[in-house]
Amino acid sequence: MILKQDIDTIKFLQQVKTCRDEVIFETTEGDRLNLTSTLSQYVFCSITGHPDCWSDSTITCKNEDDYQILADFLEEKE
């Protein structure tokens, strides 16, 4: 799954906090950020300020049910 364009980053990270397991943001370069980590959230916020850097990055939820929690922010990768 990928993030929709123009998401509210704060609301997205608040939803991540309600997830049952890890939520991983993987950049196109292969870097993986566990968004349940405060440090990773900081780096994520820096990246989201530059859409050209994350437009093809993916979100992976370890628990399948967490995709429903984040559904408003995600879309299928083409």
N, C-alpha and C. Protein backbone atom coordinates (compact mmCIF):
# COMPACT_ATOMS: atom_id res chain seq x y z
N MET A 1 0.84 -1.16 0.00
CA MET A 1 0.00 0.00 0.00
C MET A 1 0.90 1.24 0.00
N ILE A 2 0.37 2.31 -0.56
CA ILE A 2 1.10 3.58 -0.56
C ILE A 2 0.23 4.65 0.11
N LEU A 3 0.88 5.70 0.56
CA LEU A 3 0.16 6.81 1.16
C LEU A 3 -0.50 7.65 0.09
N LYS A 4 -1.69 8.13 0.38
CA LYS A 4 -2.36 9.06 -0.51
C LYS A 4 -1.60 10.38 -0.48
N GLN A 5 -1.74 11.15 -1.54
CA GLN A 5 -1.13 12.47 -1.59
C GLN A 5 -1.86 13.41 -0.63
N ASP A 6 -1.16 14.36 -0.09
CA ASP A 6 -1.72 15.41 0.77
C ASP A 6 -2.43 14.88 2.01
N ILE A 7 -1.84 13.89 2.67
CA ILE A 7 -2.42 13.41 3.91
C ILE A 7 -2.09 14.39 5.04
N ASP A 8 -2.88 14.33 6.09
CA ASP A 8 -2.57 15.07 7.31
C ASP A 8 -1.62 14.17 8.12
N THR A 9 -0.36 14.54 8.14
CA THR A 9 0.67 13.70 8.76
C THR A 9 0.39 13.45 10.23
N ILE A 10 -0.05 14.47 10.94
CA ILE A 10 -0.32 14.32 12.38
C ILE A 10 -1.46 13.32 12.60
N LYS A 11 -2.53 13.44 11.85
CA LYS A 11 -3.65 12.51 12.00
C LYS A 11 -3.23 11.09 11.64
N PHE A 12 -2.40 10.97 10.59
CA PHE A 12 -1.90 9.65 10.20
C PHE A 12 -1.11 9.02 11.34
N LEU A 13 -0.19 9.76 11.93
CA LEU A 13 0.63 9.21 13.01
C LEU A 13 -0.21 8.92 14.26
N GLN A 14 -1.26 9.68 14.49
CA GLN A 14 -2.16 9.38 15.60
C GLN A 14 -2.86 8.05 15.36
N GLN A 15 -3.24 7.79 14.12
CA GLN A 15 -3.86 6.50 13.78
C GLN A 15 -2.86 5.36 13.91
N VAL A 16 -1.61 5.62 13.53
CA VAL A 16 -0.57 4.59 13.66
C VAL A 16 -0.46 4.15 15.12
N LYS A 17 -0.59 5.10 16.05
CA LYS A 17 -0.49 4.78 17.48
C LYS A 17 -1.58 3.81 17.93
N THR A 18 -2.70 3.77 17.22
CA THR A 18 -3.79 2.87 17.60
C THR A 18 -3.65 1.48 16.98
N CYS A 19 -2.67 1.31 16.12
CA CYS A 19 -2.47 0.01 15.47
C CYS A 19 -1.96 -1.02 16.47
N ARG A 20 -2.27 -2.27 16.22
CA ARG A 20 -1.92 -3.37 17.13
C ARG A 20 -0.47 -3.82 17.02
N ASP A 21 0.13 -3.59 15.86
CA ASP A 21 1.50 -4.09 15.64
C ASP A 21 2.27 -3.04 14.84
N GLU A 22 3.45 -3.40 14.39
CA GLU A 22 4.33 -2.48 13.68
C GLU A 22 3.73 -2.01 12.35
N VAL A 23 3.99 -0.75 12.05
CA VAL A 23 3.65 -0.15 10.76
C VAL A 23 4.96 0.32 10.17
N ILE A 24 5.32 -0.22 9.02
CA ILE A 24 6.62 0.05 8.40
C ILE A 24 6.46 0.95 7.18
N PHE A 25 7.24 2.01 7.14
CA PHE A 25 7.33 2.90 5.98
C PHE A 25 8.62 2.55 5.28
N GLU A 26 8.53 2.10 4.02
CA GLU A 26 9.72 1.72 3.27
C GLU A 26 9.90 2.68 2.10
N THR A 27 11.07 3.32 2.07
CA THR A 27 11.35 4.28 1.00
C THR A 27 11.75 3.55 -0.27
N THR A 28 11.80 4.29 -1.36
CA THR A 28 12.19 3.69 -2.64
C THR A 28 13.65 3.23 -2.62
N GLU A 29 14.45 3.77 -1.69
CA GLU A 29 15.85 3.35 -1.57
C GLU A 29 16.01 2.10 -0.71
N GLY A 30 14.89 1.63 -0.12
CA GLY A 30 14.94 0.43 0.70
C GLY A 30 15.07 0.69 2.19
N ASP A 31 15.09 1.96 2.61
CA ASP A 31 15.13 2.27 4.04
C ASP A 31 13.80 1.91 4.66
N ARG A 32 13.84 1.34 5.86
CA ARG A 32 12.61 0.93 6.53
C ARG A 32 12.50 1.65 7.87
N LEU A 33 11.38 2.34 8.06
CA LEU A 33 11.13 3.06 9.30
C LEU A 33 9.94 2.45 10.01
N ASN A 34 10.13 2.04 11.26
CA ASN A 34 9.04 1.52 12.06
C ASN A 34 8.32 2.73 12.66
N LEU A 35 7.14 3.04 12.17
CA LEU A 35 6.45 4.25 12.56
C LEU A 35 5.89 4.22 13.97
N THR A 36 6.08 3.12 14.70
CA THR A 36 5.72 3.12 16.11
C THR A 36 6.86 3.71 16.95
N SER A 37 7.99 3.96 16.33
CA SER A 37 9.15 4.57 16.98
C SER A 37 9.09 6.09 16.84
N THR A 38 9.32 6.80 17.93
CA THR A 38 9.30 8.27 17.90
C THR A 38 10.38 8.82 16.98
N LEU A 39 11.56 8.24 17.01
CA LEU A 39 12.64 8.70 16.13
C LEU A 39 12.26 8.50 14.67
N SER A 40 11.69 7.36 14.35
CA SER A 40 11.25 7.09 12.97
C SER A 40 10.14 8.04 12.55
N GLN A 41 9.26 8.40 13.47
CA GLN A 41 8.21 9.36 13.16
C GLN A 41 8.80 10.73 12.82
N TYR A 42 9.83 11.11 13.53
CA TYR A 42 10.51 12.37 13.25
C TYR A 42 11.10 12.37 11.84
N VAL A 43 11.79 11.29 11.49
CA VAL A 43 12.37 11.17 10.14
C VAL A 43 11.25 11.14 9.10
N PHE A 44 10.18 10.42 9.38
CA PHE A 44 9.03 10.35 8.47
C PHE A 44 8.46 11.75 8.21
N CYS A 45 8.31 12.55 9.26
CA CYS A 45 7.79 13.91 9.10
C CYS A 45 8.71 14.75 8.21
N SER A 46 10.00 14.55 8.34
CA SER A 46 10.95 15.26 7.49
C SER A 46 10.79 14.86 6.03
N ILE A 47 10.59 13.59 5.79
CA ILE A 47 10.44 13.08 4.43
C ILE A 47 9.14 13.56 3.80
N THR A 48 8.06 13.58 4.57
CA THR A 48 6.77 13.95 4.00
C THR A 48 6.72 15.41 3.58
N GLY A 49 7.67 16.20 4.04
CA GLY A 49 7.77 17.58 3.59
C GLY A 49 8.29 17.71 2.17
N HIS A 50 8.75 16.61 1.61
CA HIS A 50 9.30 16.57 0.25
C HIS A 50 8.62 15.42 -0.51
N PRO A 51 7.42 15.66 -1.06
CA PRO A 51 6.66 14.59 -1.71
C PRO A 51 7.41 13.84 -2.81
N ASP A 52 8.33 14.49 -3.48
CA ASP A 52 9.09 13.81 -4.54
C ASP A 52 9.99 12.72 -3.96
N CYS A 53 10.26 12.78 -2.66
CA CYS A 53 11.12 11.79 -2.01
C CYS A 53 10.37 10.55 -1.54
N TRP A 54 9.04 10.62 -1.41
CA TRP A 54 8.31 9.49 -0.85
C TRP A 54 7.12 9.03 -1.68
N SER A 55 6.93 9.60 -2.83
CA SER A 55 5.72 9.30 -3.60
C SER A 55 5.55 7.81 -3.93
N ASP A 56 6.61 7.05 -4.07
CA ASP A 56 6.51 5.62 -4.38
C ASP A 56 6.84 4.73 -3.19
N SER A 57 6.92 5.33 -2.02
CA SER A 57 7.23 4.56 -0.81
C SER A 57 6.02 3.76 -0.37
N THR A 58 6.26 2.68 0.34
CA THR A 58 5.16 1.80 0.72
C THR A 58 4.97 1.77 2.24
N ILE A 59 3.76 1.41 2.63
CA ILE A 59 3.40 1.19 4.03
C ILE A 59 3.04 -0.28 4.17
N THR A 60 3.65 -0.94 5.14
CA THR A 60 3.37 -2.34 5.41
C THR A 60 2.96 -2.49 6.86
N CYS A 61 1.84 -3.13 7.08
CA CYS A 61 1.36 -3.39 8.44
C CYS A 61 1.63 -4.86 8.78
N LYS A 62 2.24 -5.10 9.92
CA LYS A 62 2.50 -6.48 10.35
C LYS A 62 1.20 -7.21 10.66
N ASN A 63 0.21 -6.48 11.18
CA ASN A 63 -1.10 -7.05 11.48
C ASN A 63 -2.06 -6.60 10.38
N GLU A 64 -2.65 -7.54 9.69
CA GLU A 64 -3.54 -7.23 8.57
C GLU A 64 -4.70 -6.31 8.97
N ASP A 65 -5.18 -6.41 10.20
CA ASP A 65 -6.29 -5.58 10.67
C ASP A 65 -5.90 -4.10 10.73
N ASP A 66 -4.62 -3.81 10.86
CA ASP A 66 -4.16 -2.42 10.95
C ASP A 66 -4.37 -1.67 9.64
N TYR A 67 -4.45 -2.37 8.53
CA TYR A 67 -4.73 -1.70 7.25
C TYR A 67 -6.10 -1.00 7.31
N GLN A 68 -7.05 -1.60 8.01
CA GLN A 68 -8.37 -0.98 8.15
C GLN A 68 -8.30 0.30 8.98
N ILE A 69 -7.46 0.30 9.99
CA ILE A 69 -7.28 1.48 10.83
C ILE A 69 -6.71 2.63 10.01
N LEU A 70 -5.84 2.32 9.07
CA LEU A 70 -5.15 3.34 8.27
C LEU A 70 -5.78 3.55 6.90
N ALA A 71 -6.92 2.94 6.65
CA ALA A 71 -7.53 2.93 5.31
C ALA A 71 -7.74 4.32 4.72
N ASP A 72 -8.06 5.31 5.54
CA ASP A 72 -8.29 6.67 5.02
C ASP A 72 -7.03 7.31 4.44
N PHE A 73 -5.87 6.76 4.78
CA PHE A 73 -4.60 7.34 4.37
C PHE A 73 -3.88 6.55 3.28
N LEU A 74 -4.40 5.35 2.99
CA LEU A 74 -3.70 4.44 2.08
C LEU A 74 -4.48 4.19 0.80
N GLU A 75 -3.73 3.80 -0.23
CA GLU A 75 -4.35 3.36 -1.48
C GLU A 75 -3.49 2.25 -2.05
N GLU A 76 -4.09 1.47 -2.92
CA GLU A 76 -3.36 0.35 -3.56
C GLU A 76 -2.25 0.89 -4.43
N LYS A 77 -1.13 0.19 -4.41
CA LYS A 77 -0.02 0.54 -5.28
C LYS A 77 -0.34 0.09 -6.69
N GLU A 78 -0.12 0.95 -7.66
CA GLU A 78 -0.44 0.63 -9.06
C GLU A 78 0.60 -0.26 -9.68
